[in-house]
Amino acid sequence: MKLTKDMLMSKIKCIIIEQENENHKKYYRILKNKYNMNIDEYEPRMDGGQSARKKPTDFPLDALIKGIDVEHKEHGGGANYFIAMEIAMDHLTEDPRYYDFLEDMEKEMKGSENEESIS
């Protein structure tokens, strides 16, 4: 049987959907275990966010987790994890390396403080 272009495109779409489903399951499991969040219940809660049309799985999982941790801590720990995730998604939409840069700046500042205390 010869594959037509339409048959090939259909097969590719099925593979992509299957990968997206596996990715969603991974995010669901990890975020549920770490934060007791059900990402199937996620809806944007803040108006005007840059990530309004995106879903959590549109971001690298490690960056999203780093962002949730930072935003939850920064906003007093009482913030809902969904709000922290939405803020993180907005920052990651602006710059996918946002939390890496933030971490680097904090390390640099600590290094400067240590140098000043030695002097």
C-alpha atoms as a PDB file:
ATOM      1  CA  MET A   1       0.000   0.000   0.000  1.00  0.00           C
ATOM      2  CA  LYS A   2       1.391   3.342  -1.042  1.00  0.00           C
ATOM      3  CA  LEU A   3       1.233   6.225   1.463  1.00  0.00           C
ATOM      4  CA  THR A   4      -0.403   9.346   0.155  1.00  0.00           C
ATOM      5  CA  LYS A   5       0.449  12.814   1.369  1.00  0.00           C
ATOM      6  CA  ASP A   6      -2.871  12.992   3.265  1.00  0.00           C
ATOM      7  CA  MET A   7      -2.258   9.626   4.918  1.00  0.00           C
ATOM      8  CA  LEU A   8       1.204  10.727   5.990  1.00  0.00           C
ATOM      9  CA  MET A   9      -0.102  14.038   7.370  1.00  0.00           C
ATOM     10  CA  SER A  10      -2.816  12.195   9.284  1.00  0.00           C
ATOM     11  CA  LYS A  11      -0.235   9.827  10.783  1.00  0.00           C
ATOM     12  CA  ILE A  12       1.982  12.765  11.794  1.00  0.00           C
ATOM     13  CA  LYS A  13      -0.981  14.518  13.472  1.00  0.00           C
ATOM     14  CA  CYS A  14      -1.750  11.324  15.426  1.00  0.00           C
ATOM     15  CA  ILE A  15       1.860  11.105  16.614  1.00  0.00           C
ATOM     16  CA  ILE A  16       1.849  14.760  17.688  1.00  0.00           C
ATOM     17  CA  ILE A  17      -1.426  14.341  19.593  1.00  0.00           C
ATOM     18  CA  GLU A  18      -0.054  11.224  21.282  1.00  0.00           C
ATOM     19  CA  GLN A  19       3.103  13.110  22.339  1.00  0.00           C
ATOM     20  CA  GLU A  20       1.037  16.035  23.637  1.00  0.00           C
ATOM     21  CA  ASN A  21      -1.084  13.630  25.683  1.00  0.00           C
ATOM     22  CA  GLU A  22       2.012  12.004  27.196  1.00  0.00           C
ATOM     23  CA  ASN A  23       3.495  15.426  27.937  1.00  0.00           C
ATOM     24  CA  HIS A  24       0.231  16.525  29.575  1.00  0.00           C
ATOM     25  CA  LYS A  25       0.186  13.391  31.753  1.00  0.00           C
ATOM     26  CA  LYS A  26       3.763  14.097  32.875  1.00  0.00           C
ATOM     27  CA  TYR A  27       2.997  17.738  33.775  1.00  0.00           C
ATOM     28  CA  TYR A  28      -0.250  16.708  35.464  1.00  0.00           C
ATOM     29  CA  ARG A  29       1.473  14.080  37.616  1.00  0.00           C
ATOM     30  CA  ILE A  30       4.427  16.249  38.637  1.00  0.00           C
ATOM     31  CA  LEU A  31       2.428  19.429  39.393  1.00  0.00           C
ATOM     32  CA  LYS A  32      -0.205  17.413  41.255  1.00  0.00           C
ATOM     33  CA  ASN A  33       2.439  15.750  43.432  1.00  0.00           C
ATOM     34  CA  LYS A  34       4.487  18.904  44.063  1.00  0.00           C
ATOM     35  CA  TYR A  35       1.731  21.511  44.496  1.00  0.00           C
ATOM     36  CA  ASN A  36      -1.501  19.495  44.672  1.00  0.00           C
ATOM     37  CA  MET A  37      -2.604  21.323  41.503  1.00  0.00           C
ATOM     38  CA  ASN A  38      -4.850  19.827  38.867  1.00  0.00           C
ATOM     39  CA  ILE A  39      -3.746  21.529  35.649  1.00  0.00           C
ATOM     40  CA  ASP A  40      -6.955  20.372  33.984  1.00  0.00           C
ATOM     41  CA  GLU A  41      -8.670  22.990  36.174  1.00  0.00           C
ATOM     42  CA  TYR A  42      -6.324  25.799  35.120  1.00  0.00           C
ATOM     43  CA  GLU A  43      -7.956  28.938  33.764  1.00  0.00           C
ATOM     44  CA  PRO A  44      -6.276  32.354  33.569  1.00  0.00           C
ATOM     45  CA  ARG A  45      -7.296  34.376  36.627  1.00  0.00           C
ATOM     46  CA  MET A  46      -5.649  37.711  35.853  1.00  0.00           C
ATOM     47  CA  ASP A  47      -6.749  40.022  33.065  1.00  0.00           C
ATOM     48  CA  GLY A  48      -4.232  41.113  30.478  1.00  0.00           C
ATOM     49  CA  GLY A  49      -1.564  38.506  31.126  1.00  0.00           C
ATOM     50  CA  GLN A  50       0.813  37.755  28.279  1.00  0.00           C
ATOM     51  CA  SER A  51       0.231  34.038  28.648  1.00  0.00           C
ATOM     52  CA  ALA A  52      -3.579  34.278  28.481  1.00  0.00           C
ATOM     53  CA  ARG A  53      -3.824  31.926  25.494  1.00  0.00           C
ATOM     54  CA  LYS A  54      -1.180  29.489  26.668  1.00  0.00           C
ATOM     55  CA  LYS A  55      -1.344  26.377  28.784  1.00  0.00           C
ATOM     56  CA  PRO A  56       1.182  25.128  31.351  1.00  0.00           C
ATOM     57  CA  THR A  57       2.490  22.467  28.964  1.00  0.00           C
ATOM     58  CA  ASP A  58       3.602  25.193  26.538  1.00  0.00           C
ATOM     59  CA  PHE A  59       6.564  25.870  28.838  1.00  0.00           C
ATOM     60  CA  PRO A  60       9.566  23.730  29.798  1.00  0.00           C
ATOM     61  CA  LEU A  61       8.601  21.897  32.986  1.00  0.00           C
ATOM     62  CA  ASP A  62      11.784  22.778  34.879  1.00  0.00           C
ATOM     63  CA  ALA A  63      11.378  26.498  34.090  1.00  0.00           C
ATOM     64  CA  LEU A  64       7.711  26.393  35.075  1.00  0.00           C
ATOM     65  CA  ILE A  65       8.480  24.724  38.415  1.00  0.00           C
ATOM     66  CA  LYS A  66      11.285  27.206  39.135  1.00  0.00           C
ATOM     67  CA  GLY A  67       8.877  30.036  38.312  1.00  0.00           C
ATOM     68  CA  ILE A  68       6.064  28.684  40.494  1.00  0.00           C
ATOM     69  CA  ASP A  69       8.467  28.333  43.426  1.00  0.00           C
ATOM     70  CA  VAL A  70       9.847  31.865  42.996  1.00  0.00           C
ATOM     71  CA  GLU A  71       6.456  33.529  42.513  1.00  0.00           C
ATOM     72  CA  HIS A  72       4.822  31.652  45.376  1.00  0.00           C
ATOM     73  CA  LYS A  73       7.638  32.700  47.710  1.00  0.00           C
ATOM     74  CA  GLU A  74       7.765  36.264  46.375  1.00  0.00           C
ATOM     75  CA  HIS A  75       4.056  36.785  46.897  1.00  0.00           C
ATOM     76  CA  GLY A  76       4.110  35.734  50.535  1.00  0.00           C
ATOM     77  CA  GLY A  77       3.550  32.008  50.217  1.00  0.00           C
ATOM     78  CA  GLY A  78      -0.159  32.521  50.702  1.00  0.00           C
ATOM     79  CA  ALA A  79      -0.693  33.038  47.006  1.00  0.00           C
ATOM     80  CA  ASN A  80      -2.626  30.350  45.272  1.00  0.00           C
ATOM     81  CA  TYR A  81      -0.297  28.081  43.286  1.00  0.00           C
ATOM     82  CA  PHE A  82      -2.429  28.715  40.196  1.00  0.00           C
ATOM     83  CA  ILE A  83      -1.773  32.470  40.541  1.00  0.00           C
ATOM     84  CA  ALA A  84       1.946  31.804  41.041  1.00  0.00           C
ATOM     85  CA  MET A  85       1.912  29.601  37.933  1.00  0.00           C
ATOM     86  CA  GLU A  86       0.125  32.249  35.898  1.00  0.00           C
ATOM     87  CA  ILE A  87       2.648  34.916  36.922  1.00  0.00           C
ATOM     88  CA  ALA A  88       5.467  32.496  36.055  1.00  0.00           C
ATOM     89  CA  MET A  89       3.878  31.761  32.674  1.00  0.00           C
ATOM     90  CA  ASP A  90       3.682  35.512  31.950  1.00  0.00           C
ATOM     91  CA  HIS A  91       7.382  35.962  32.779  1.00  0.00           C
ATOM     92  CA  LEU A  92       8.350  32.904  30.741  1.00  0.00           C
ATOM     93  CA  THR A  93       6.338  34.263  27.807  1.00  0.00           C
ATOM     94  CA  GLU A  94       8.381  37.482  28.010  1.00  0.00           C
ATOM     95  CA  ASP A  95      11.629  35.542  28.237  1.00  0.00           C
ATOM     96  CA  PRO A  96      11.943  31.735  28.431  1.00  0.00           C
ATOM     97  CA  ARG A  97      15.117  32.145  30.533  1.00  0.00           C
ATOM     98  CA  TYR A  98      13.598  34.689  32.950  1.00  0.00           C
ATOM     99  CA  TYR A  99      14.153  32.580  36.081  1.00  0.00           C
ATOM    100  CA  ASP A 100      17.659  31.553  35.016  1.00  0.00           C
ATOM    101  CA  PHE A 101      18.583  35.249  34.699  1.00  0.00           C
ATOM    102  CA  LEU A 102      16.935  35.989  38.041  1.00  0.00           C
ATOM    103  CA  GLU A 103      18.892  33.179  39.689  1.00  0.00           C
ATOM    104  CA  ASP A 104      22.149  34.426  38.123  1.00  0.00           C
ATOM    105  CA  MET A 105      21.494  37.980  39.380  1.00  0.00           C
ATOM    106  CA  GLU A 106      20.816  36.708  42.907  1.00  0.00           C
ATOM    107  CA  LYS A 107      24.069  34.719  42.890  1.00  0.00           C
ATOM    108  CA  GLU A 108      25.945  37.755  41.603  1.00  0.00           C
ATOM    109  CA  MET A 109      24.444  39.957  44.325  1.00  0.00           C
ATOM    110  CA  LYS A 110      25.360  37.439  47.037  1.00  0.00           C
ATOM    111  CA  GLY A 111      28.888  37.299  45.665  1.00  0.00           C
ATOM    112  CA  SER A 112      29.136  41.101  45.819  1.00  0.00           C
ATOM    113  CA  GLU A 113      27.828  41.119  49.401  1.00  0.00           C
ATOM    114  CA  ASN A 114      30.417  38.523  50.401  1.00  0.00           C
ATOM    115  CA  GLU A 115      33.214  40.548  48.796  1.00  0.00           C
ATOM    116  CA  GLU A 116      32.053  43.701  50.622  1.00  0.00           C
ATOM    117  CA  SER A 117      31.935  41.943  53.992  1.00  0.00           C
ATOM    118  CA  ILE A 118      35.506  40.656  53.482  1.00  0.00           C
ATOM    119  CA  SER A 119      36.840  44.167  52.682  1.00  0.00           C
END
